[in-house]
Amino acid sequence: MQPQEITKEPDLIKKCQNGDSAAFADLIFPHRENLITYLNRLSGNKTTAEDLFQETLVKVWSGIKKYKEQNKFSSWLFSIAHNVALDSYRKIKNRKYTVDVNEITDLSSGSNPHSDYVSKEIELQLEKAIETLSKKQKEVFLLRMHGNMPFKEIAKLTGEPINTVLGHMHYAVKKLKLMLRNENVK
């Protein structure tokens, strides 16, 4: 989309509801990176995250006519992604933490290899630490951090009271800080 053609999200939604697939690409693009990051952290696997992302897009496109404007689009989008991921987990039990070999060997081509290495190591430590969270803590943490969802919407999506959601987030952050601090002491 060219800068002079910037269209507001509600206009893009209306176009999508009328079958405009080009508008759909423009509507999804601002959310793409956060959504893939969320799904990647949730699944622990880049390839799985891409598959879940594609499945999410199919569900969003097929359900766009049912979208109600009183809901924030990004929250609606992330709730669909969340449900797609849950459906996937129900189909495949006992998922294990995996790291894509390409993610380890493909250090970004930045000007400082040491910084790139350190950043990658921190990212891997965080991913590993996230995998140790309880299912509910992980779910709340990822929806908040990568879905940018307000706690009230997370509570609605998960069907839990807001105080429970806040508790999950509190303990998730506390556990992650402790694990990352301990990992860096070694």
Protein backbone atom coordinates (compact mmCIF):
# COMPACT_ATOMS: atom_id res chain seq x y z
CA MET A 1 0.00 0.00 0.00
CA GLN A 2 1.40 3.41 -0.92
CA PRO A 3 1.53 6.12 1.78
CA GLN A 4 -1.03 8.35 0.07
CA GLU A 5 -3.49 5.44 -0.01
CA ILE A 6 -3.50 4.77 3.75
CA THR A 7 -6.91 3.46 4.67
CA LYS A 8 -8.36 3.27 8.16
CA GLU A 9 -8.92 -0.15 9.69
CA PRO A 10 -12.75 0.14 9.76
CA ASP A 11 -12.75 0.94 6.03
CA LEU A 12 -10.52 -2.07 5.32
CA ILE A 13 -12.84 -4.28 7.37
CA LYS A 14 -15.86 -3.11 5.37
CA LYS A 15 -14.01 -3.80 2.12
CA CYS A 16 -13.10 -7.28 3.36
CA GLN A 17 -16.69 -7.93 4.33
CA ASN A 18 -17.57 -7.10 0.72
CA GLY A 19 -15.04 -9.66 -0.56
CA ASP A 20 -12.03 -7.42 -1.30
CA SER A 21 -9.03 -9.72 -0.78
CA ALA A 22 -6.50 -6.92 -1.46
CA ALA A 23 -7.97 -5.01 1.49
CA PHE A 24 -7.57 -8.18 3.59
CA ALA A 25 -3.81 -8.17 3.00
CA ASP A 26 -3.66 -4.50 4.04
CA LEU A 27 -5.80 -5.22 7.10
CA ILE A 28 -3.64 -8.12 8.31
CA PHE A 29 -0.22 -6.64 7.52
CA PRO A 30 0.11 -4.40 10.63
CA HIS A 31 -0.68 -7.38 12.88
CA ARG A 32 1.37 -10.01 11.03
CA GLU A 33 4.64 -9.78 12.96
CA ASN A 34 3.05 -9.76 16.43
CA LEU A 35 0.70 -12.58 15.47
CA ILE A 36 3.49 -14.80 14.12
CA THR A 37 5.65 -14.03 17.17
CA TYR A 38 2.74 -14.94 19.45
CA LEU A 39 2.11 -18.21 17.60
CA ASN A 40 5.84 -19.00 17.50
CA ARG A 41 6.21 -18.53 21.23
CA LEU A 42 3.03 -20.46 21.88
CA SER A 43 4.02 -23.40 19.68
CA GLY A 44 7.79 -23.26 20.20
CA ASN A 45 8.37 -23.92 16.52
CA LYS A 46 8.68 -21.47 13.62
CA THR A 47 7.23 -23.84 11.03
CA THR A 48 4.26 -24.70 13.23
CA ALA A 49 3.72 -20.99 13.88
CA GLU A 50 3.59 -20.31 10.12
CA ASP A 51 1.05 -23.12 9.69
CA LEU A 52 -1.06 -21.78 12.56
CA PHE A 53 -0.79 -18.27 11.08
CA GLN A 54 -2.08 -19.50 7.71
CA GLU A 55 -4.93 -21.38 9.37
CA THR A 56 -5.76 -18.25 11.38
CA LEU A 57 -5.93 -16.18 8.19
CA VAL A 58 -8.31 -18.66 6.62
CA LYS A 59 -10.57 -18.51 9.67
CA VAL A 60 -10.42 -14.71 9.83
CA TRP A 61 -11.26 -14.38 6.13
CA SER A 62 -14.15 -16.85 6.38
CA GLY A 63 -15.47 -15.13 9.52
CA ILE A 64 -14.87 -11.47 8.63
CA LYS A 65 -18.55 -10.93 7.79
CA LYS A 66 -19.41 -11.85 11.40
CA TYR A 67 -16.95 -9.35 12.86
CA LYS A 68 -18.68 -6.74 15.03
CA GLU A 69 -17.12 -3.31 15.20
CA GLN A 70 -17.62 -2.95 18.95
CA ASN A 71 -14.75 -5.43 19.36
CA LYS A 72 -11.18 -4.30 18.77
CA PHE A 73 -10.02 -5.98 15.55
CA SER A 74 -6.62 -7.00 16.92
CA SER A 75 -8.28 -8.67 19.92
CA TRP A 76 -10.68 -10.51 17.62
CA LEU A 77 -7.76 -11.57 15.42
CA PHE A 78 -5.68 -12.83 18.36
CA SER A 79 -8.64 -14.67 19.87
CA ILE A 80 -9.04 -16.56 16.59
CA ALA A 81 -5.29 -17.33 16.55
CA HIS A 82 -5.54 -18.46 20.17
CA ASN A 83 -8.40 -20.82 19.35
CA VAL A 84 -6.60 -22.16 16.26
CA ALA A 85 -3.57 -22.93 18.43
CA LEU A 86 -5.71 -24.62 21.09
CA ASP A 87 -7.41 -26.73 18.43
CA SER A 88 -4.00 -27.72 17.13
CA TYR A 89 -2.85 -28.72 20.63
CA ARG A 90 -5.92 -30.84 21.10
CA LYS A 91 -5.08 -32.72 17.91
CA ILE A 92 -1.40 -33.18 18.73
CA LYS A 93 -0.62 -34.12 22.33
CA ASN A 94 2.73 -33.99 24.08
CA ARG A 95 4.41 -31.25 22.10
CA LYS A 96 8.02 -30.66 23.02
CA TYR A 97 10.13 -27.54 22.86
CA THR A 98 11.98 -27.50 19.55
CA VAL A 99 14.36 -25.06 18.04
CA ASP A 100 14.55 -24.64 14.30
CA VAL A 101 18.16 -25.31 13.28
CA ASN A 102 17.97 -22.39 10.84
CA GLU A 103 17.12 -20.05 13.72
CA ILE A 104 20.36 -21.00 15.48
CA THR A 105 22.66 -20.90 12.46
CA ASP A 106 21.08 -17.91 10.76
CA LEU A 107 22.49 -15.09 12.84
CA SER A 108 21.31 -11.80 11.47
CA SER A 109 23.74 -10.02 9.21
CA GLY A 110 24.16 -7.05 11.55
CA SER A 111 27.37 -5.14 11.84
CA ASN A 112 28.24 -6.60 15.25
CA PRO A 113 28.36 -10.42 15.32
CA HIS A 114 28.89 -10.47 19.09
CA SER A 115 25.75 -8.38 19.73
CA ASP A 116 23.80 -10.56 17.33
CA TYR A 117 24.98 -13.68 19.13
CA VAL A 118 24.14 -12.26 22.57
CA SER A 119 20.69 -11.15 21.36
CA LYS A 120 20.01 -14.58 19.91
CA GLU A 121 21.15 -16.27 23.12
CA ILE A 122 18.88 -14.06 25.23
CA GLU A 123 15.99 -14.79 22.89
CA LEU A 124 16.62 -18.54 23.15
CA GLN A 125 16.84 -18.30 26.95
CA LEU A 126 13.54 -16.43 27.03
CA GLU A 127 11.86 -18.97 24.74
CA LYS A 128 13.14 -21.79 26.92
CA ALA A 129 11.95 -20.01 30.07
CA ILE A 130 8.50 -19.38 28.56
CA GLU A 131 8.19 -23.12 27.90
CA THR A 132 8.53 -23.78 31.66
CA LEU A 133 5.49 -21.66 32.53
CA SER A 134 2.23 -23.37 33.37
CA LYS A 135 -0.22 -23.55 30.47
CA LYS A 136 -2.35 -20.71 31.86
CA GLN A 137 0.64 -18.49 32.69
CA LYS A 138 2.09 -19.01 29.22
CA GLU A 139 -1.25 -18.29 27.58
CA VAL A 140 -1.80 -15.04 29.50
CA PHE A 141 1.81 -13.90 29.10
CA LEU A 142 1.84 -14.44 25.34
CA LEU A 143 -1.57 -12.86 24.75
CA ARG A 144 -0.47 -9.81 26.72
CA MET A 145 3.05 -9.46 25.34
CA HIS A 146 2.54 -10.45 21.71
CA GLY A 147 -1.17 -9.94 21.30
CA ASN A 148 -1.11 -6.60 23.10
CA MET A 149 -4.45 -7.62 24.56
CA PRO A 150 -5.80 -5.83 27.63
CA PHE A 151 -6.22 -8.06 30.68
CA LYS A 152 -9.99 -7.62 30.54
CA GLU A 153 -10.08 -9.12 27.03
CA ILE A 154 -7.70 -11.92 28.03
CA ALA A 155 -10.06 -12.74 30.90
CA LYS A 156 -12.99 -12.85 28.50
CA LEU A 157 -11.09 -15.01 26.00
CA THR A 158 -9.85 -17.51 28.59
CA GLY A 159 -13.09 -17.52 30.57
CA GLU A 160 -11.29 -16.70 33.81
CA PRO A 161 -11.87 -13.87 36.30
CA ILE A 162 -9.70 -10.80 35.75
CA ASN A 163 -7.93 -11.29 39.10
CA THR A 164 -6.97 -14.83 38.11
CA VAL A 165 -5.59 -13.55 34.80
CA LEU A 166 -3.63 -10.85 36.63
CA GLY A 167 -2.29 -13.50 38.99
CA HIS A 168 -1.18 -15.69 36.08
CA MET A 169 0.66 -12.72 34.56
CA HIS A 170 2.26 -11.76 37.86
CA TYR A 171 3.58 -15.26 38.50
CA ALA A 172 4.67 -15.70 34.88
CA VAL A 173 6.74 -12.50 34.96
CA LYS A 174 8.15 -13.38 38.39
CA LYS A 175 9.16 -16.88 37.22
CA LEU A 176 10.67 -15.60 33.96
CA LYS A 177 12.73 -12.96 35.76
CA LEU A 178 14.01 -15.53 38.23
CA MET A 179 14.87 -18.05 35.51
CA LEU A 180 16.61 -15.49 33.32
CA ARG A 181 18.52 -14.08 36.30
CA ASN A 182 19.64 -17.61 37.29
CA GLU A 183 20.58 -18.45 33.69
CA ASN A 184 22.78 -15.34 33.46
CA VAL A 185 24.51 -16.13 36.77
CA LYS A 186 25.83 -19.47 35.44
